[in-house]
N, C-alpha and C. Protein backbone atom coordinates (compact mmCIF):
# COMPACT_ATOMS: atom_id res chain seq x y z
N MET A 1 -10.76 -9.37 11.01
CA MET A 1 -10.37 -8.01 11.32
C MET A 1 -11.63 -7.17 11.46
N SER A 2 -11.66 -6.36 12.48
CA SER A 2 -12.81 -5.51 12.73
C SER A 2 -12.65 -4.19 11.98
N ASN A 3 -13.71 -3.38 11.99
CA ASN A 3 -13.65 -2.06 11.37
C ASN A 3 -12.72 -1.14 12.15
N GLN A 4 -12.38 -1.49 13.37
CA GLN A 4 -11.56 -0.64 14.22
C GLN A 4 -10.07 -0.75 13.90
N GLY A 5 -9.64 -1.76 13.17
CA GLY A 5 -8.24 -1.90 12.83
C GLY A 5 -7.75 -3.30 13.10
N VAL A 6 -6.45 -3.44 13.14
CA VAL A 6 -5.81 -4.73 13.31
C VAL A 6 -5.77 -5.11 14.78
N ASN A 7 -6.02 -6.38 15.04
CA ASN A 7 -5.98 -6.91 16.39
C ASN A 7 -4.55 -6.79 16.94
N PRO A 8 -4.35 -6.17 18.10
CA PRO A 8 -3.01 -6.00 18.67
C PRO A 8 -2.27 -7.32 18.90
N GLN A 9 -3.00 -8.40 19.20
CA GLN A 9 -2.35 -9.69 19.39
C GLN A 9 -1.73 -10.17 18.07
N ARG A 10 -2.39 -9.91 16.96
CA ARG A 10 -1.83 -10.30 15.65
C ARG A 10 -0.56 -9.52 15.36
N VAL A 11 -0.56 -8.25 15.71
CA VAL A 11 0.64 -7.43 15.50
C VAL A 11 1.78 -7.98 16.36
N ASP A 12 1.48 -8.39 17.57
CA ASP A 12 2.50 -8.95 18.45
C ASP A 12 3.10 -10.22 17.86
N VAL A 13 2.24 -11.09 17.31
CA VAL A 13 2.72 -12.32 16.68
C VAL A 13 3.63 -11.98 15.50
N LEU A 14 3.23 -11.01 14.70
CA LEU A 14 4.05 -10.61 13.55
C LEU A 14 5.39 -10.02 14.00
N ASN A 15 5.38 -9.28 15.07
CA ASN A 15 6.63 -8.70 15.59
C ASN A 15 7.61 -9.77 16.05
N ARG A 16 7.09 -10.92 16.45
CA ARG A 16 7.96 -12.01 16.91
C ARG A 16 8.40 -12.93 15.76
N ALA A 17 7.81 -12.78 14.58
CA ALA A 17 8.16 -13.63 13.44
C ALA A 17 9.53 -13.28 12.89
N SER A 18 10.18 -14.28 12.29
CA SER A 18 11.48 -14.03 11.66
C SER A 18 11.27 -13.27 10.34
N SER A 19 12.33 -12.70 9.83
CA SER A 19 12.26 -11.98 8.55
C SER A 19 11.84 -12.93 7.43
N LEU A 20 12.34 -14.15 7.46
CA LEU A 20 11.95 -15.13 6.44
C LEU A 20 10.46 -15.42 6.52
N GLN A 21 9.93 -15.62 7.71
CA GLN A 21 8.50 -15.88 7.86
C GLN A 21 7.67 -14.70 7.36
N LEU A 22 8.10 -13.48 7.67
CA LEU A 22 7.38 -12.30 7.21
C LEU A 22 7.43 -12.18 5.69
N PHE A 23 8.59 -12.49 5.10
CA PHE A 23 8.70 -12.44 3.65
C PHE A 23 7.78 -13.46 3.00
N GLN A 24 7.75 -14.67 3.54
CA GLN A 24 6.87 -15.71 3.01
C GLN A 24 5.41 -15.29 3.10
N LEU A 25 5.02 -14.75 4.23
CA LEU A 25 3.64 -14.29 4.42
C LEU A 25 3.31 -13.15 3.45
N SER A 26 4.23 -12.20 3.32
CA SER A 26 4.02 -11.08 2.41
C SER A 26 3.86 -11.57 0.97
N SER A 27 4.70 -12.50 0.56
CA SER A 27 4.62 -13.05 -0.81
C SER A 27 3.29 -13.73 -1.05
N LEU A 28 2.85 -14.50 -0.07
CA LEU A 28 1.57 -15.20 -0.19
C LEU A 28 0.41 -14.20 -0.29
N ILE A 29 0.43 -13.19 0.56
CA ILE A 29 -0.64 -12.18 0.56
C ILE A 29 -0.68 -11.45 -0.78
N GLN A 30 0.50 -11.04 -1.31
CA GLN A 30 0.54 -10.34 -2.59
C GLN A 30 0.00 -11.21 -3.72
N ARG A 31 0.32 -12.50 -3.70
CA ARG A 31 -0.18 -13.42 -4.73
C ARG A 31 -1.70 -13.55 -4.65
N VAL A 32 -2.22 -13.69 -3.44
CA VAL A 32 -3.67 -13.83 -3.27
C VAL A 32 -4.38 -12.53 -3.68
N LEU A 33 -3.86 -11.38 -3.23
CA LEU A 33 -4.49 -10.11 -3.58
C LEU A 33 -4.39 -9.80 -5.07
N GLY A 34 -3.34 -10.29 -5.73
CA GLY A 34 -3.14 -10.03 -7.15
C GLY A 34 -3.90 -10.97 -8.07
N ASP A 35 -4.63 -11.92 -7.52
CA ASP A 35 -5.39 -12.87 -8.32
C ASP A 35 -6.43 -12.10 -9.13
N PRO A 36 -6.37 -12.20 -10.47
CA PRO A 36 -7.33 -11.46 -11.30
C PRO A 36 -8.79 -11.74 -10.95
N ARG A 37 -9.10 -12.95 -10.52
CA ARG A 37 -10.49 -13.26 -10.15
C ARG A 37 -10.93 -12.42 -8.96
N ARG A 38 -10.02 -12.20 -8.02
CA ARG A 38 -10.35 -11.37 -6.85
C ARG A 38 -10.57 -9.92 -7.28
N ILE A 39 -9.68 -9.41 -8.13
CA ILE A 39 -9.78 -8.02 -8.58
C ILE A 39 -11.09 -7.81 -9.35
N ILE A 40 -11.42 -8.74 -10.24
CA ILE A 40 -12.66 -8.63 -11.01
C ILE A 40 -13.87 -8.67 -10.09
N ALA A 41 -13.85 -9.57 -9.10
CA ALA A 41 -14.98 -9.68 -8.17
C ALA A 41 -15.18 -8.38 -7.40
N VAL A 42 -14.11 -7.72 -7.02
CA VAL A 42 -14.22 -6.45 -6.31
C VAL A 42 -14.70 -5.36 -7.26
N ARG A 43 -14.12 -5.33 -8.45
CA ARG A 43 -14.45 -4.26 -9.40
C ARG A 43 -15.92 -4.30 -9.82
N VAL A 44 -16.47 -5.49 -9.97
CA VAL A 44 -17.87 -5.64 -10.36
C VAL A 44 -18.80 -4.94 -9.37
N ASN A 45 -18.40 -4.92 -8.11
CA ASN A 45 -19.25 -4.35 -7.06
C ASN A 45 -18.93 -2.90 -6.74
N MET A 46 -18.02 -2.27 -7.49
CA MET A 46 -17.67 -0.87 -7.22
C MET A 46 -18.20 0.04 -8.32
N HIS A 47 -18.56 1.25 -7.91
CA HIS A 47 -19.02 2.24 -8.87
C HIS A 47 -18.66 3.65 -8.38
N LEU A 48 -18.61 4.58 -9.31
CA LEU A 48 -18.33 5.98 -8.96
C LEU A 48 -19.36 6.48 -7.97
N GLY A 49 -18.90 7.23 -7.00
CA GLY A 49 -19.79 7.80 -6.00
C GLY A 49 -20.06 6.87 -4.82
N GLN A 50 -19.58 5.65 -4.91
CA GLN A 50 -19.81 4.68 -3.83
C GLN A 50 -18.94 5.01 -2.61
N THR A 51 -19.51 4.84 -1.45
CA THR A 51 -18.77 5.02 -0.20
C THR A 51 -18.08 3.71 0.14
N VAL A 52 -16.77 3.78 0.39
CA VAL A 52 -15.99 2.59 0.72
C VAL A 52 -15.12 2.88 1.93
N ARG A 53 -14.64 1.82 2.55
CA ARG A 53 -13.63 1.99 3.60
C ARG A 53 -12.35 1.35 3.11
N PHE A 54 -11.22 1.96 3.48
CA PHE A 54 -9.92 1.47 3.02
C PHE A 54 -8.87 1.82 4.06
N VAL A 55 -7.71 1.21 3.94
CA VAL A 55 -6.60 1.49 4.83
C VAL A 55 -5.72 2.53 4.15
N ASP A 56 -5.54 3.66 4.81
CA ASP A 56 -4.70 4.74 4.28
C ASP A 56 -3.32 4.61 4.92
N CYS A 57 -2.38 4.02 4.20
CA CYS A 57 -1.03 3.81 4.73
C CYS A 57 -0.18 5.07 4.68
N ARG A 58 -0.66 6.13 4.05
CA ARG A 58 0.13 7.36 3.92
C ARG A 58 0.19 8.17 5.20
N ASP A 59 -0.76 8.00 6.09
CA ASP A 59 -0.86 8.91 7.23
C ASP A 59 -0.04 8.52 8.44
N GLY A 60 0.84 7.53 8.30
CA GLY A 60 1.67 7.12 9.42
C GLY A 60 0.87 6.49 10.54
N SER A 61 -0.22 5.82 10.19
CA SER A 61 -1.12 5.31 11.22
C SER A 61 -0.64 4.03 11.88
N LEU A 62 0.50 3.48 11.44
CA LEU A 62 1.00 2.27 12.08
C LEU A 62 1.82 2.69 13.31
N ARG A 63 1.09 2.94 14.38
CA ARG A 63 1.68 3.31 15.66
C ARG A 63 1.13 2.36 16.71
N GLU A 64 1.75 2.36 17.87
CA GLU A 64 1.30 1.44 18.92
C GLU A 64 -0.17 1.63 19.27
N ASP A 65 -0.64 2.87 19.23
CA ASP A 65 -2.01 3.14 19.66
C ASP A 65 -3.02 3.15 18.51
N LYS A 66 -2.55 2.94 17.29
CA LYS A 66 -3.45 3.05 16.14
C LYS A 66 -2.94 2.13 15.03
N TYR A 67 -3.50 0.94 14.92
CA TYR A 67 -3.05 -0.05 13.95
C TYR A 67 -3.82 0.05 12.64
N LEU A 68 -3.22 0.66 11.64
CA LEU A 68 -3.79 0.72 10.30
C LEU A 68 -5.31 0.86 10.30
N GLN A 69 -5.77 1.95 10.81
CA GLN A 69 -7.20 2.22 10.90
C GLN A 69 -7.81 2.38 9.51
N THR A 70 -9.06 1.99 9.38
CA THR A 70 -9.75 2.18 8.11
C THR A 70 -10.27 3.60 8.01
N VAL A 71 -10.34 4.09 6.78
CA VAL A 71 -10.82 5.43 6.47
C VAL A 71 -12.02 5.26 5.53
N VAL A 72 -13.01 6.12 5.67
CA VAL A 72 -14.17 6.08 4.80
C VAL A 72 -14.00 7.17 3.74
N GLY A 73 -14.27 6.81 2.49
CA GLY A 73 -14.16 7.77 1.41
C GLY A 73 -15.13 7.44 0.29
N THR A 74 -15.11 8.27 -0.75
CA THR A 74 -16.00 8.11 -1.90
C THR A 74 -15.15 7.87 -3.14
N ILE A 75 -15.52 6.87 -3.94
CA ILE A 75 -14.80 6.59 -5.18
C ILE A 75 -15.09 7.69 -6.18
N VAL A 76 -14.02 8.33 -6.68
CA VAL A 76 -14.18 9.41 -7.66
C VAL A 76 -13.64 9.03 -9.03
N ARG A 77 -12.83 7.95 -9.11
CA ARG A 77 -12.33 7.48 -10.40
C ARG A 77 -11.91 6.03 -10.25
N ILE A 78 -12.16 5.23 -11.29
CA ILE A 78 -11.75 3.83 -11.29
C ILE A 78 -10.97 3.55 -12.57
N ASN A 79 -9.77 2.98 -12.42
CA ASN A 79 -8.95 2.55 -13.54
C ASN A 79 -8.85 1.03 -13.49
N ASP A 80 -7.98 0.45 -14.33
CA ASP A 80 -7.84 -1.01 -14.36
C ASP A 80 -7.47 -1.59 -13.00
N CYS A 81 -6.46 -1.03 -12.35
CA CYS A 81 -5.99 -1.61 -11.09
C CYS A 81 -5.95 -0.63 -9.94
N THR A 82 -6.42 0.59 -10.14
CA THR A 82 -6.43 1.57 -9.06
C THR A 82 -7.79 2.24 -8.98
N ALA A 83 -8.01 2.85 -7.84
CA ALA A 83 -9.21 3.65 -7.64
C ALA A 83 -8.79 4.93 -6.93
N SER A 84 -9.36 6.04 -7.34
CA SER A 84 -9.12 7.29 -6.63
C SER A 84 -10.28 7.47 -5.66
N ILE A 85 -9.92 7.66 -4.40
CA ILE A 85 -10.92 7.78 -3.34
C ILE A 85 -10.75 9.13 -2.67
N ASP A 86 -11.85 9.81 -2.44
CA ASP A 86 -11.82 11.13 -1.83
C ASP A 86 -12.33 11.05 -0.39
N PRO A 87 -11.39 11.00 0.59
CA PRO A 87 -11.80 11.00 1.99
C PRO A 87 -11.74 12.40 2.57
N GLY A 88 -12.05 13.41 1.76
CA GLY A 88 -11.91 14.79 2.18
C GLY A 88 -10.80 15.45 1.40
N GLY A 89 -9.93 14.67 0.80
CA GLY A 89 -8.84 15.13 -0.05
C GLY A 89 -8.51 13.98 -0.98
N ARG A 90 -8.32 14.25 -2.24
CA ARG A 90 -8.12 13.15 -3.21
C ARG A 90 -6.95 12.27 -2.84
N HIS A 91 -7.13 10.97 -3.02
CA HIS A 91 -6.10 10.00 -2.67
C HIS A 91 -6.16 8.84 -3.66
N GLU A 92 -5.04 8.59 -4.32
CA GLU A 92 -4.96 7.47 -5.26
C GLU A 92 -4.56 6.23 -4.49
N VAL A 93 -5.38 5.22 -4.52
CA VAL A 93 -5.11 3.98 -3.80
C VAL A 93 -4.51 2.99 -4.77
N ALA A 94 -3.22 2.71 -4.62
CA ALA A 94 -2.58 1.70 -5.45
C ALA A 94 -3.20 0.36 -5.11
N GLY A 95 -3.60 -0.36 -6.11
CA GLY A 95 -4.28 -1.62 -5.84
C GLY A 95 -5.62 -1.41 -5.18
N GLY A 96 -6.18 -0.23 -5.37
CA GLY A 96 -7.42 0.11 -4.70
C GLY A 96 -8.56 -0.85 -4.96
N LEU A 97 -8.52 -1.47 -6.13
CA LEU A 97 -9.59 -2.41 -6.44
C LEU A 97 -9.46 -3.68 -5.61
N ARG A 98 -8.31 -3.89 -5.01
CA ARG A 98 -8.12 -5.03 -4.14
C ARG A 98 -8.35 -4.63 -2.69
N ALA A 99 -7.97 -3.41 -2.37
CA ALA A 99 -7.91 -3.03 -0.96
C ALA A 99 -9.17 -2.35 -0.42
N ALA A 100 -9.93 -1.74 -1.26
CA ALA A 100 -11.11 -1.04 -0.78
C ALA A 100 -12.29 -2.02 -0.67
N ALA A 101 -13.12 -1.77 0.29
CA ALA A 101 -14.29 -2.63 0.50
C ALA A 101 -15.51 -1.75 0.66
N PRO A 102 -16.64 -2.17 0.10
CA PRO A 102 -17.85 -1.39 0.28
C PRO A 102 -18.15 -1.19 1.77
N ARG A 103 -18.59 -0.01 2.10
CA ARG A 103 -18.90 0.29 3.50
C ARG A 103 -20.22 -0.39 3.86
N PRO A 104 -20.20 -1.13 4.99
CA PRO A 104 -21.45 -1.82 5.40
C PRO A 104 -22.53 -0.84 5.84
């Protein structure tokens, strides 16, 4: 996946998948993202004031012309499983320690 968002061909493949296939994929992704080793590995590399990029699902960005674009923000608080990121307005990222990535 590029910094620009999700590949439109991947979205097309997902749109053609059955509900069962999507559920299986979703379950697998949640299990992998929830792996404590992954969360710890991400958390070790995060600190307050760090600039990160993340997917902001709140803004309705899943449209035909804009596939889950990444947003750049600054970490303002870190908890066990969440991070508060300020991209111009405070935003609590559920699972932020899994979803946010240091900005290259």
